[in-house]
């Protein structure tokens, strides 16, 4: 599990216990030390839980896909390499 997800779980738990954002941040600093989220980030994640959010995972983002590997691209690369065997693919 991701370190950030662990910290979000802690934030959600503290919220359910009725801890304030400041108390939650202090507890996070005690537990995670220098790896703890910033105070602002703790407050950013506390707010959605107050508004009823249940998930601790990040929301999906729009933008370029993380990979562009698909059958069409693979076929194109194979065709180029076959046409000139001196080419290399990294």
Foldseek 3Di string as FASTA:
>chain_A
DDPQLVLLVLLLVCVVVVHDLVVSQVVQCVVVPPPGDDSVVSVVSNVVVVVPDDDSDDDDDDDDDPDDDDPVVVVVVVVVCVVPVVDDDD
